[in-house]
Amino acid sequence: MKQVISQVAITCVAFLLSFSVMASYDEAKAQVDASIKDMIAVVDKYHDQQNPNEDELTKDIAAIVDRDVDFTYISSWVMGKYYRQATEEQRAKFAVVFKQTLIKTYAKSLVGFDIKEYSISPPASPSPEDDKQIVTVDVTSGDGTVYTLVNYMVKTDEHWKLVNVIMNGINFRITFKNQFSDLMQRNSYDVGKVVDAWQSQINPPATQG
């Protein structure tokens, strides 16, 4: 009898853990779905405009990105081993600069991108950590090309946020990390110079004519 009770208890615990994992995945999935829908709304808003208002476009993209992306987490990861030698001011400044990088990248690429449809794939296996989930999305463009986006989501302060994306095998976080490392080598391993150099690439100084 005790053995039967024990087996029932184990089964119940396993069921509850499984339910918890699926609930966490469903939350992350819902957040990714909401982000995509909001991005599509922005694309539709500006898609037919030959010269869209850059300030308005940036503002619309920033509203979504601010809500759904963990810039502090990603920027610290991009800095990698150099994060420890950076001052608090340099870390904070790079987080802001990196945020501008993503916003401008989204703004430039999304307007010319025609999203025909998208689908979210079921997870290959449960995540071992409830607060970390992977949500895979297949996006089909107007010309029929399919892009696979693997979204790495982390739950912080009761909200799911994006911390990395892999698109068709290209790991964006690693790509940015390699760029930061390359700039470190070319700037005598001076973090301050690298942050300034990165910022100048995003916001180049106006040329005098």
N, C-alpha and C. Protein backbone atom coordinates (compact mmCIF):
# COMPACT_ATOMS: atom_id res chain seq x y z
N MET A 1 0.82 -1.21 0.00
CA MET A 1 0.00 0.00 0.00
C MET A 1 0.86 1.26 0.00
N LYS A 2 1.90 1.27 0.83
CA LYS A 2 2.80 2.41 0.89
C LYS A 2 3.48 2.64 -0.46
N GLN A 3 3.81 1.53 -1.12
CA GLN A 3 4.47 1.65 -2.43
C GLN A 3 3.53 2.29 -3.45
N VAL A 4 2.25 1.90 -3.40
CA VAL A 4 1.26 2.47 -4.31
C VAL A 4 1.11 3.97 -4.06
N ILE A 5 1.02 4.35 -2.77
CA ILE A 5 0.89 5.76 -2.40
C ILE A 5 2.10 6.55 -2.87
N SER A 6 3.27 5.95 -2.69
CA SER A 6 4.52 6.59 -3.11
C SER A 6 4.54 6.83 -4.62
N GLN A 7 4.10 5.83 -5.38
CA GLN A 7 4.08 5.95 -6.83
C GLN A 7 3.09 7.03 -7.28
N VAL A 8 1.94 7.08 -6.59
CA VAL A 8 0.94 8.11 -6.89
C VAL A 8 1.51 9.50 -6.62
N ALA A 9 2.20 9.63 -5.49
CA ALA A 9 2.79 10.92 -5.12
C ALA A 9 3.82 11.36 -6.15
N ILE A 10 4.67 10.43 -6.59
CA ILE A 10 5.68 10.75 -7.60
C ILE A 10 5.02 11.18 -8.90
N THR A 11 3.96 10.47 -9.27
CA THR A 11 3.24 10.81 -10.50
C THR A 11 2.64 12.20 -10.41
N CYS A 12 2.07 12.53 -9.26
CA CYS A 12 1.46 13.85 -9.06
C CYS A 12 2.51 14.96 -9.15
N VAL A 13 3.66 14.72 -8.51
CA VAL A 13 4.75 15.71 -8.54
C VAL A 13 5.23 15.91 -9.97
N ALA A 14 5.41 14.81 -10.70
CA ALA A 14 5.87 14.89 -12.09
C ALA A 14 4.87 15.66 -12.94
N PHE A 15 3.58 15.41 -12.69
CA PHE A 15 2.53 16.11 -13.45
C PHE A 15 2.56 17.60 -13.16
N LEU A 16 2.71 17.94 -11.89
CA LEU A 16 2.73 19.35 -11.51
C LEU A 16 3.94 20.07 -12.10
N LEU A 17 5.09 19.39 -12.08
CA LEU A 17 6.30 19.99 -12.66
C LEU A 17 6.13 20.18 -14.16
N SER A 18 5.56 19.19 -14.81
CA SER A 18 5.31 19.28 -16.25
C SER A 18 4.35 20.42 -16.56
N PHE A 19 3.32 20.56 -15.76
CA PHE A 19 2.34 21.62 -15.96
C PHE A 19 2.99 22.98 -15.78
N SER A 20 3.88 23.07 -14.77
CA SER A 20 4.58 24.33 -14.51
C SER A 20 5.46 24.72 -15.68
N VAL A 21 6.18 23.75 -16.25
CA VAL A 21 7.05 24.02 -17.38
C VAL A 21 6.24 24.50 -18.58
N MET A 22 5.12 23.82 -18.86
CA MET A 22 4.30 24.20 -20.00
C MET A 22 3.67 25.58 -19.80
N ALA A 23 3.29 25.87 -18.53
CA ALA A 23 2.73 27.18 -18.24
C ALA A 23 3.76 28.26 -18.51
N SER A 24 5.02 28.00 -18.10
CA SER A 24 6.09 28.97 -18.32
C SER A 24 6.36 29.16 -19.81
N TYR A 25 6.37 28.05 -20.55
CA TYR A 25 6.61 28.14 -21.99
C TYR A 25 5.47 28.92 -22.66
N ASP A 26 4.25 28.64 -22.26
CA ASP A 26 3.10 29.32 -22.86
C ASP A 26 3.17 30.83 -22.61
N GLU A 27 3.67 31.22 -21.43
CA GLU A 27 3.83 32.64 -21.13
C GLU A 27 4.87 33.27 -22.06
N ALA A 28 6.01 32.60 -22.21
CA ALA A 28 7.07 33.10 -23.08
C ALA A 28 6.58 33.16 -24.53
N LYS A 29 5.88 32.11 -24.94
CA LYS A 29 5.33 32.05 -26.30
C LYS A 29 4.37 33.21 -26.55
N ALA A 30 3.51 33.49 -25.58
CA ALA A 30 2.54 34.58 -25.71
C ALA A 30 3.25 35.93 -25.86
N GLN A 31 4.36 36.09 -25.12
CA GLN A 31 5.11 37.35 -25.20
C GLN A 31 5.76 37.51 -26.58
N VAL A 32 6.34 36.42 -27.09
CA VAL A 32 6.95 36.46 -28.42
C VAL A 32 5.88 36.76 -29.47
N ASP A 33 4.73 36.12 -29.34
CA ASP A 33 3.63 36.32 -30.29
C ASP A 33 3.18 37.78 -30.28
N ALA A 34 3.07 38.35 -29.09
CA ALA A 34 2.66 39.75 -28.97
C ALA A 34 3.68 40.68 -29.61
N SER A 35 4.96 40.38 -29.42
CA SER A 35 6.02 41.20 -30.00
C SER A 35 5.96 41.18 -31.52
N ILE A 36 5.77 39.97 -32.07
CA ILE A 36 5.70 39.84 -33.53
C ILE A 36 4.51 40.61 -34.09
N LYS A 37 3.37 40.47 -33.44
CA LYS A 37 2.17 41.18 -33.90
C LYS A 37 2.38 42.69 -33.87
N ASP A 38 3.04 43.18 -32.82
CA ASP A 38 3.30 44.61 -32.72
C ASP A 38 4.28 45.07 -33.79
N MET A 39 5.29 44.24 -34.07
CA MET A 39 6.26 44.59 -35.11
C MET A 39 5.59 44.61 -36.48
N ILE A 40 4.71 43.65 -36.74
CA ILE A 40 3.98 43.61 -38.01
C ILE A 40 3.12 44.86 -38.17
N ALA A 41 2.53 45.30 -37.07
CA ALA A 41 1.70 46.51 -37.11
C ALA A 41 2.55 47.72 -37.52
N VAL A 42 3.79 47.77 -37.03
CA VAL A 42 4.69 48.86 -37.41
C VAL A 42 5.07 48.75 -38.88
N VAL A 43 5.37 47.51 -39.33
CA VAL A 43 5.70 47.30 -40.74
C VAL A 43 4.56 47.75 -41.63
N ASP A 44 3.34 47.36 -41.29
CA ASP A 44 2.17 47.73 -42.09
C ASP A 44 1.96 49.25 -42.11
N LYS A 45 2.28 49.89 -41.02
CA LYS A 45 2.08 51.33 -40.90
C LYS A 45 2.99 52.11 -41.85
N TYR A 46 4.24 51.63 -42.00
CA TYR A 46 5.22 52.39 -42.77
C TYR A 46 5.59 51.75 -44.11
N HIS A 47 5.07 50.56 -44.37
CA HIS A 47 5.53 49.77 -45.52
C HIS A 47 5.36 50.51 -46.86
N ASP A 48 4.26 51.19 -47.05
CA ASP A 48 3.98 51.83 -48.33
C ASP A 48 4.47 53.27 -48.42
N GLN A 49 5.16 53.71 -47.38
CA GLN A 49 5.67 55.08 -47.39
C GLN A 49 7.07 55.12 -48.00
N GLN A 50 7.26 55.93 -49.02
CA GLN A 50 8.57 56.00 -49.66
C GLN A 50 9.62 56.62 -48.75
N ASN A 51 9.21 57.64 -48.02
CA ASN A 51 10.14 58.31 -47.10
C ASN A 51 9.48 58.42 -45.73
N PRO A 52 9.44 57.31 -44.98
CA PRO A 52 8.79 57.34 -43.67
C PRO A 52 9.50 58.29 -42.71
N ASN A 53 8.73 58.87 -41.81
CA ASN A 53 9.29 59.76 -40.80
C ASN A 53 10.17 58.93 -39.87
N GLU A 54 11.47 59.18 -39.92
CA GLU A 54 12.43 58.37 -39.17
C GLU A 54 12.21 58.47 -37.67
N ASP A 55 11.89 59.67 -37.20
CA ASP A 55 11.68 59.86 -35.76
C ASP A 55 10.46 59.07 -35.28
N GLU A 56 9.38 59.12 -36.06
CA GLU A 56 8.17 58.39 -35.68
C GLU A 56 8.39 56.89 -35.73
N LEU A 57 9.09 56.43 -36.77
CA LEU A 57 9.40 55.00 -36.91
C LEU A 57 10.24 54.52 -35.74
N THR A 58 11.28 55.28 -35.42
CA THR A 58 12.16 54.92 -34.31
C THR A 58 11.39 54.87 -33.00
N LYS A 59 10.49 55.82 -32.82
CA LYS A 59 9.68 55.87 -31.60
C LYS A 59 8.80 54.63 -31.47
N ASP A 60 8.18 54.21 -32.58
CA ASP A 60 7.31 53.03 -32.56
C ASP A 60 8.11 51.76 -32.27
N ILE A 61 9.28 51.65 -32.89
CA ILE A 61 10.14 50.47 -32.66
C ILE A 61 10.65 50.46 -31.22
N ALA A 62 11.05 51.63 -30.73
CA ALA A 62 11.60 51.74 -29.38
C ALA A 62 10.59 51.31 -28.33
N ALA A 63 9.32 51.63 -28.55
CA ALA A 63 8.28 51.26 -27.58
C ALA A 63 8.20 49.74 -27.41
N ILE A 64 8.35 49.01 -28.51
CA ILE A 64 8.29 47.55 -28.45
C ILE A 64 9.57 46.98 -27.85
N VAL A 65 10.69 47.47 -28.34
CA VAL A 65 11.98 46.97 -27.89
C VAL A 65 12.21 47.25 -26.41
N ASP A 66 11.82 48.44 -25.97
CA ASP A 66 11.96 48.80 -24.55
C ASP A 66 11.22 47.80 -23.66
N ARG A 67 10.06 47.41 -24.10
CA ARG A 67 9.21 46.51 -23.32
C ARG A 67 9.72 45.07 -23.31
N ASP A 68 10.28 44.64 -24.45
CA ASP A 68 10.49 43.20 -24.64
C ASP A 68 11.95 42.74 -24.69
N VAL A 69 12.91 43.65 -24.60
CA VAL A 69 14.32 43.25 -24.70
C VAL A 69 15.07 43.66 -23.43
N ASP A 70 15.88 42.75 -22.92
CA ASP A 70 16.69 43.03 -21.72
C ASP A 70 18.06 43.55 -22.17
N PHE A 71 18.17 44.86 -22.33
CA PHE A 71 19.40 45.46 -22.83
C PHE A 71 20.57 45.30 -21.87
N THR A 72 20.32 45.43 -20.59
CA THR A 72 21.39 45.32 -19.61
C THR A 72 22.02 43.94 -19.66
N TYR A 73 21.19 42.91 -19.73
CA TYR A 73 21.69 41.53 -19.79
C TYR A 73 22.49 41.31 -21.07
N ILE A 74 21.93 41.71 -22.21
CA ILE A 74 22.60 41.45 -23.48
C ILE A 74 23.90 42.24 -23.60
N SER A 75 23.86 43.51 -23.22
CA SER A 75 25.05 44.35 -23.35
C SER A 75 26.20 43.83 -22.49
N SER A 76 25.89 43.33 -21.29
CA SER A 76 26.94 42.78 -20.44
C SER A 76 27.53 41.52 -21.06
N TRP A 77 26.67 40.73 -21.70
CA TRP A 77 27.13 39.51 -22.36
C TRP A 77 27.99 39.86 -23.57
N VAL A 78 27.60 40.90 -24.32
CA VAL A 78 28.36 41.33 -25.50
C VAL A 78 29.74 41.83 -25.09
N MET A 79 29.82 42.53 -23.97
CA MET A 79 31.11 43.00 -23.49
C MET A 79 32.00 41.84 -23.06
N GLY A 80 31.38 40.74 -22.67
CA GLY A 80 32.12 39.53 -22.32
C GLY A 80 33.10 39.73 -21.18
N LYS A 81 34.32 39.23 -21.37
CA LYS A 81 35.33 39.29 -20.30
C LYS A 81 35.76 40.73 -19.98
N TYR A 82 35.44 41.65 -20.89
CA TYR A 82 35.82 43.05 -20.66
C TYR A 82 34.82 43.78 -19.77
N TYR A 83 33.70 43.12 -19.47
CA TYR A 83 32.68 43.73 -18.62
C TYR A 83 33.25 44.05 -17.24
N ARG A 84 34.09 43.16 -16.72
CA ARG A 84 34.62 43.34 -15.37
C ARG A 84 35.55 44.55 -15.27
N GLN A 85 36.27 44.83 -16.35
CA GLN A 85 37.21 45.95 -16.27
C GLN A 85 36.55 47.28 -16.58
N ALA A 86 35.30 47.24 -17.03
CA ALA A 86 34.57 48.48 -17.33
C ALA A 86 34.04 49.11 -16.05
N THR A 87 33.96 50.43 -16.03
CA THR A 87 33.38 51.13 -14.89
C THR A 87 31.86 51.04 -14.98
N GLU A 88 31.18 51.37 -13.89
CA GLU A 88 29.72 51.36 -13.89
C GLU A 88 29.18 52.34 -14.94
N GLU A 89 29.84 53.46 -15.07
CA GLU A 89 29.43 54.47 -16.05
C GLU A 89 29.56 53.92 -17.47
N GLN A 90 30.67 53.22 -17.74
CA GLN A 90 30.90 52.66 -19.07
C GLN A 90 29.89 51.56 -19.39
N ARG A 91 29.57 50.74 -18.38
CA ARG A 91 28.57 49.68 -18.58
C ARG A 91 27.21 50.27 -18.90
N ALA A 92 26.84 51.29 -18.13
CA ALA A 92 25.53 51.93 -18.34
C ALA A 92 25.48 52.61 -19.71
N LYS A 93 26.57 53.26 -20.10
CA LYS A 93 26.62 53.95 -21.38
C LYS A 93 26.51 52.96 -22.52
N PHE A 94 27.22 51.82 -22.41
CA PHE A 94 27.17 50.85 -23.49
C PHE A 94 25.78 50.22 -23.60
N ALA A 95 25.10 50.03 -22.48
CA ALA A 95 23.73 49.50 -22.52
C ALA A 95 22.83 50.41 -23.34
N VAL A 96 23.00 51.71 -23.16
CA VAL A 96 22.20 52.69 -23.91
C VAL A 96 22.59 52.67 -25.39
N VAL A 97 23.91 52.62 -25.65
CA VAL A 97 24.40 52.59 -27.03
C VAL A 97 23.94 51.32 -27.74
N PHE A 98 23.98 50.21 -27.02
CA PHE A 98 23.55 48.95 -27.62
C PHE A 98 22.05 48.96 -27.91
N LYS A 99 21.30 49.59 -27.04
CA LYS A 99 19.86 49.74 -27.27
C LYS A 99 19.62 50.52 -28.56
N GLN A 100 20.37 51.59 -28.76
CA GLN A 100 20.24 52.37 -29.98
C GLN A 100 20.60 51.53 -31.21
N THR A 101 21.59 50.65 -31.04
CA THR A 101 21.99 49.76 -32.13
C THR A 101 20.82 48.90 -32.57
N LEU A 102 20.16 48.26 -31.61
CA LEU A 102 19.05 47.37 -31.94
C LEU A 102 17.88 48.14 -32.56
N ILE A 103 17.56 49.28 -31.99
CA ILE A 103 16.43 50.07 -32.50
C ILE A 103 16.67 50.49 -33.94
N LYS A 104 17.88 50.98 -34.24
CA LYS A 104 18.17 51.43 -35.59
C LYS A 104 18.24 50.25 -36.56
N THR A 105 18.75 49.12 -36.08
CA THR A 105 18.80 47.92 -36.92
C THR A 105 17.40 47.47 -37.29
N TYR A 106 16.51 47.41 -36.29
CA TYR A 106 15.12 47.05 -36.53
C TYR A 106 14.45 48.04 -37.49
N ALA A 107 14.66 49.32 -37.23
CA ALA A 107 14.00 50.35 -38.04
C ALA A 107 14.39 50.26 -39.51
N LYS A 108 15.66 49.99 -39.77
CA LYS A 108 16.14 49.94 -41.15
C LYS A 108 15.68 48.68 -41.87
N SER A 109 15.65 47.56 -41.14
CA SER A 109 15.37 46.28 -41.79
C SER A 109 13.87 45.97 -41.90
N LEU A 110 13.09 46.40 -40.92
CA LEU A 110 11.68 46.02 -40.90
C LEU A 110 10.83 46.68 -41.97
N VAL A 111 11.12 47.96 -42.25
CA VAL A 111 10.27 48.70 -43.19
C VAL A 111 10.28 48.04 -44.58
N GLY A 112 11.42 47.53 -44.98
CA GLY A 112 11.51 46.92 -46.30
C GLY A 112 11.22 45.44 -46.30
N PHE A 113 10.80 44.92 -45.16
CA PHE A 113 10.56 43.48 -45.05
C PHE A 113 9.06 43.19 -45.11
N ASP A 114 8.69 42.34 -46.04
CA ASP A 114 7.28 41.99 -46.23
C ASP A 114 6.99 40.65 -45.54
N ILE A 115 6.30 40.70 -44.41
CA ILE A 115 5.98 39.49 -43.66
C ILE A 115 4.64 38.94 -44.14
N LYS A 116 4.68 37.77 -44.75
CA LYS A 116 3.47 37.16 -45.27
C LYS A 116 2.73 36.41 -44.18
N GLU A 117 3.47 35.59 -43.42
CA GLU A 117 2.87 34.82 -42.33
C GLU A 117 3.97 34.34 -41.39
N TYR A 118 3.56 33.86 -40.23
CA TYR A 118 4.53 33.27 -39.29
C TYR A 118 3.84 32.19 -38.48
N SER A 119 4.65 31.28 -37.96
CA SER A 119 4.12 30.20 -37.11
C SER A 119 5.13 29.92 -36.01
N ILE A 120 4.60 29.60 -34.84
CA ILE A 120 5.44 29.28 -33.68
C ILE A 120 5.48 27.77 -33.51
N SER A 121 6.68 27.21 -33.53
CA SER A 121 6.85 25.76 -33.43
C SER A 121 6.78 25.31 -31.98
N PRO A 122 6.25 24.12 -31.72
CA PRO A 122 6.24 23.59 -30.35
C PRO A 122 7.67 23.30 -29.90
N PRO A 123 7.94 23.36 -28.60
CA PRO A 123 9.30 23.13 -28.11
C PRO A 123 9.75 21.69 -28.36
N ALA A 124 11.01 21.51 -28.71
CA ALA A 124 11.54 20.17 -28.94
C ALA A 124 11.58 19.36 -27.65
N SER A 125 11.84 20.07 -26.54
CA SER A 125 11.88 19.42 -25.22
C SER A 125 11.65 20.48 -24.16
N PRO A 126 11.17 20.09 -22.98
CA PRO A 126 10.94 21.07 -21.90
C PRO A 126 12.24 21.72 -21.44
N SER A 127 12.16 23.00 -21.10
CA SER A 127 13.33 23.68 -20.56
C SER A 127 13.59 23.22 -19.14
N PRO A 128 14.86 23.00 -18.77
CA PRO A 128 15.16 22.58 -17.40
C PRO A 128 14.94 23.69 -16.37
N GLU A 129 14.79 24.93 -16.85
CA GLU A 129 14.57 26.07 -15.96
C GLU A 129 13.30 26.80 -16.38
N ASP A 130 12.35 26.92 -15.46
CA ASP A 130 11.07 27.55 -15.77
C ASP A 130 11.21 28.98 -16.28
N ASP A 131 12.20 29.71 -15.74
CA ASP A 131 12.32 31.13 -16.08
C ASP A 131 13.18 31.37 -17.32
N LYS A 132 13.55 30.28 -18.01
CA LYS A 132 14.31 30.40 -19.27
C LYS A 132 13.65 29.51 -20.31
N GLN A 133 13.20 30.10 -21.40
CA GLN A 133 12.49 29.36 -22.43
C GLN A 133 13.01 29.73 -23.82
N ILE A 134 12.89 28.78 -24.74
CA ILE A 134 13.27 29.01 -26.13
C ILE A 134 12.01 28.91 -26.99
N VAL A 135 11.74 29.96 -27.75
CA VAL A 135 10.55 30.00 -28.60
C VAL A 135 11.00 30.16 -30.05
N THR A 136 10.70 29.15 -30.87
CA THR A 136 11.12 29.14 -32.27
C THR A 136 9.97 29.59 -33.19
N VAL A 137 10.30 30.53 -34.05
CA VAL A 137 9.30 31.09 -34.96
C VAL A 137 9.78 30.99 -36.41
N ASP A 138 8.92 30.52 -37.30
CA ASP A 138 9.21 30.51 -38.73
C ASP A 138 8.44 31.66 -39.38
N VAL A 139 9.19 32.59 -39.98
CA VAL A 139 8.60 33.76 -40.62
C VAL A 139 8.75 33.63 -42.13
N THR A 140 7.64 33.76 -42.85
CA THR A 140 7.66 33.67 -44.31
C THR A 140 7.50 35.06 -44.91
N SER A 141 8.45 35.42 -45.76
CA SER A 141 8.40 36.74 -46.41
C SER A 141 7.51 36.69 -47.64
N GLY A 142 7.28 37.85 -48.24
CA GLY A 142 6.41 37.92 -49.40
C GLY A 142 6.89 37.11 -50.59
N ASP A 143 8.23 36.94 -50.70
CA ASP A 143 8.76 36.17 -51.84
C ASP A 143 8.85 34.67 -51.54
N GLY A 144 8.33 34.26 -50.38
CA GLY A 144 8.31 32.84 -50.03
C GLY A 144 9.49 32.36 -49.22
N THR A 145 10.46 33.23 -48.97
CA THR A 145 11.63 32.84 -48.17
C THR A 145 11.21 32.65 -46.71
N VAL A 146 11.69 31.57 -46.11
CA VAL A 146 11.36 31.27 -44.71
C VAL A 146 12.57 31.55 -43.83
N TYR A 147 12.37 32.34 -42.80
CA TYR A 147 13.41 32.66 -41.84
C TYR A 147 13.04 32.03 -40.50
N THR A 148 13.98 31.28 -39.93
CA THR A 148 13.74 30.66 -38.63
C THR A 148 14.38 31.50 -37.54
N LEU A 149 13.57 31.99 -36.62
CA LEU A 149 14.05 32.81 -35.51
C LEU A 149 13.94 32.01 -34.21
N VAL A 150 15.06 31.81 -33.56
CA VAL A 150 15.08 31.13 -32.28
C VAL A 150 15.24 32.19 -31.20
N ASN A 151 14.18 32.42 -30.43
CA ASN A 151 14.15 33.48 -29.42
C ASN A 151 14.45 32.91 -28.04
N TYR A 152 15.48 33.45 -27.41
CA TYR A 152 15.83 33.04 -26.04
C TYR A 152 15.21 34.03 -25.08
N MET A 153 14.30 33.52 -24.26
CA MET A 153 13.53 34.38 -23.36
C MET A 153 13.87 34.09 -21.90
N VAL A 154 13.93 35.15 -21.10
CA VAL A 154 14.19 35.02 -19.66
C VAL A 154 13.14 35.83 -18.92
N LYS A 155 12.62 35.26 -17.85
CA LYS A 155 11.60 35.95 -17.07
C LYS A 155 12.25 36.72 -15.92
N THR A 156 12.05 38.03 -15.92
CA THR A 156 12.56 38.88 -14.85
C THR A 156 11.46 39.83 -14.42
N ASP A 157 11.29 39.95 -13.12
CA ASP A 157 10.26 40.85 -12.57
C ASP A 157 8.89 40.59 -13.20
N GLU A 158 8.54 39.31 -13.30
CA GLU A 158 7.23 38.88 -13.81
C GLU A 158 6.99 39.22 -15.27
N HIS A 159 8.05 39.54 -16.00
CA HIS A 159 7.89 39.85 -17.42
C HIS A 159 8.94 39.09 -18.23
N TRP A 160 8.49 38.50 -19.34
CA TRP A 160 9.41 37.77 -20.21
C TRP A 160 10.11 38.75 -21.16
N LYS A 161 11.45 38.61 -21.23
CA LYS A 161 12.21 39.49 -22.10
C LYS A 161 13.19 38.69 -22.96
N LEU A 162 13.45 39.23 -24.14
CA LEU A 162 14.36 38.60 -25.08
C LEU A 162 15.81 38.88 -24.68
N VAL A 163 16.65 37.83 -24.70
CA VAL A 163 18.06 38.01 -24.37
C VAL A 163 18.98 37.54 -25.50
N ASN A 164 18.42 36.91 -26.52
CA ASN A 164 19.23 36.52 -27.68
C ASN A 164 18.31 36.03 -28.80
N VAL A 165 18.82 36.13 -30.03
CA VAL A 165 18.10 35.63 -31.21
C VAL A 165 19.09 34.94 -32.13
N ILE A 166 18.69 33.79 -32.63
CA ILE A 166 19.46 33.12 -33.69
C ILE A 166 18.56 33.08 -34.91
N MET A 167 19.02 33.68 -36.02
CA MET A 167 18.23 33.70 -37.24
C MET A 167 18.95 32.90 -38.32
N ASN A 168 18.31 31.81 -38.76
CA ASN A 168 18.91 30.93 -39.77
C ASN A 168 20.35 30.58 -39.44
N GLY A 169 20.59 30.29 -38.16
CA GLY A 169 21.93 29.86 -37.73
C GLY A 169 22.86 30.98 -37.31
N ILE A 170 22.47 32.22 -37.52
CA ILE A 170 23.32 33.36 -37.15
C ILE A 170 22.95 33.81 -35.74
N ASN A 171 23.91 33.67 -34.82
CA ASN A 171 23.70 34.04 -33.43
C ASN A 171 24.02 35.52 -33.26
N PHE A 172 23.00 36.34 -33.06
CA PHE A 172 23.21 37.78 -33.01
C PHE A 172 24.04 38.20 -31.80
N ARG A 173 23.84 37.55 -30.67
CA ARG A 173 24.59 37.95 -29.48
C ARG A 173 26.08 37.67 -29.66
N ILE A 174 26.41 36.53 -30.25
CA ILE A 174 27.81 36.19 -30.51
C ILE A 174 28.40 37.13 -31.57
N THR A 175 27.58 37.47 -32.58
CA THR A 175 28.04 38.39 -33.61
C THR A 175 28.42 39.74 -33.02
N PHE A 176 27.57 40.28 -32.16
CA PHE A 176 27.87 41.55 -31.51
C PHE A 176 29.06 41.42 -30.56
N LYS A 177 29.17 40.29 -29.88
CA LYS A 177 30.30 40.06 -28.97
C LYS A 177 31.61 40.07 -29.73
N ASN A 178 31.64 39.43 -30.89
CA ASN A 178 32.84 39.41 -31.72
C ASN A 178 33.20 40.82 -32.20
N GLN A 179 32.19 41.61 -32.51
CA GLN A 179 32.43 42.99 -32.94
C GLN A 179 33.05 43.80 -31.80
N PHE A 180 32.53 43.59 -30.59
CA PHE A 180 33.06 44.31 -29.43
C PHE A 180 34.51 43.90 -29.18
N SER A 181 34.79 42.60 -29.25
CA SER A 181 36.15 42.10 -29.04
C SER A 181 37.11 42.65 -30.08
N ASP A 182 36.65 42.73 -31.34
CA ASP A 182 37.48 43.27 -32.40
C ASP A 182 37.79 44.74 -32.16
N LEU A 183 36.78 45.49 -31.70
CA LEU A 183 37.02 46.90 -31.39
C LEU A 183 37.99 47.06 -30.22
N MET A 184 37.94 46.16 -29.26
CA MET A 184 38.87 46.21 -28.13
C MET A 184 40.31 46.07 -28.63
N GLN A 185 40.52 45.13 -29.54
CA GLN A 185 41.86 44.92 -30.07
C GLN A 185 42.35 46.14 -30.85
N ARG A 186 41.43 46.78 -31.58
CA ARG A 186 41.81 47.92 -32.41
C ARG A 186 41.88 49.24 -31.64
N ASN A 187 41.46 49.20 -30.38
CA ASN A 187 41.51 50.41 -29.54
C ASN A 187 42.31 50.19 -28.27
N SER A 188 43.37 49.39 -28.40
CA SER A 188 44.33 49.18 -27.30
C SER A 188 43.66 48.70 -26.02
N TYR A 189 42.58 47.93 -26.17
CA TYR A 189 41.86 47.34 -25.04
C TYR A 189 41.38 48.39 -24.04
N ASP A 190 40.99 49.53 -24.58
CA ASP A 190 40.45 50.62 -23.77
C ASP A 190 38.92 50.60 -23.91
N VAL A 191 38.21 50.19 -22.84
CA VAL A 191 36.76 50.06 -22.89
C VAL A 191 36.08 51.38 -23.24
N GLY A 192 36.56 52.46 -22.64
CA GLY A 192 35.96 53.77 -22.90
C GLY A 192 36.02 54.14 -24.38
N LYS A 193 37.18 53.89 -25.01
CA LYS A 193 37.34 54.19 -26.42
C LYS A 193 36.42 53.32 -27.28
N VAL A 194 36.26 52.06 -26.88
CA VAL A 194 35.42 51.14 -27.63
C VAL A 194 33.96 51.57 -27.57
N VAL A 195 33.50 51.95 -26.40
CA VAL A 195 32.11 52.41 -26.26
C VAL A 195 31.88 53.65 -27.10
N ASP A 196 32.85 54.57 -27.08
CA ASP A 196 32.73 55.79 -27.89
C ASP A 196 32.75 55.46 -29.39
N ALA A 197 33.63 54.51 -29.77
CA ALA A 197 33.72 54.11 -31.17
C ALA A 197 32.42 53.47 -31.64
N TRP A 198 31.83 52.63 -30.78
CA TRP A 198 30.56 51.97 -31.12
C TRP A 198 29.47 53.02 -31.28
N GLN A 199 29.47 53.99 -30.37
CA GLN A 199 28.45 55.05 -30.43
C GLN A 199 28.60 55.88 -31.70
N SER A 200 29.84 56.14 -32.11
CA SER A 200 30.06 56.95 -33.31
C SER A 200 29.59 56.21 -34.56
N GLN A 201 29.62 54.87 -34.53
CA GLN A 201 29.13 54.10 -35.67
C GLN A 201 27.61 54.18 -35.76
N ILE A 202 26.96 54.23 -34.60
CA ILE A 202 25.50 54.31 -34.57
C ILE A 202 25.03 55.73 -34.84
N ASN A 203 25.72 56.71 -34.25
CA ASN A 203 25.38 58.11 -34.44
C ASN A 203 26.61 58.87 -34.96
N PRO A 204 26.92 58.71 -36.25
CA PRO A 204 28.10 59.38 -36.80
C PRO A 204 27.98 60.89 -36.70
N PRO A 205 29.08 61.57 -36.41
CA PRO A 205 29.03 63.04 -36.32
C PRO A 205 28.64 63.66 -37.66
N ALA A 206 27.87 64.73 -37.58
CA ALA A 206 27.42 65.40 -38.80
C ALA A 206 28.61 66.00 -39.54
N THR A 207 28.62 65.84 -40.85
CA THR A 207 29.70 66.39 -41.65
C THR A 207 29.39 67.84 -42.01
N GLN A 208 30.39 68.64 -42.02
CA GLN A 208 30.21 70.05 -42.34
C GLN A 208 30.39 70.25 -43.84
N GLY A 209 29.42 70.87 -44.46
CA GLY A 209 29.52 71.07 -45.90
C GLY A 209 29.60 72.54 -46.26
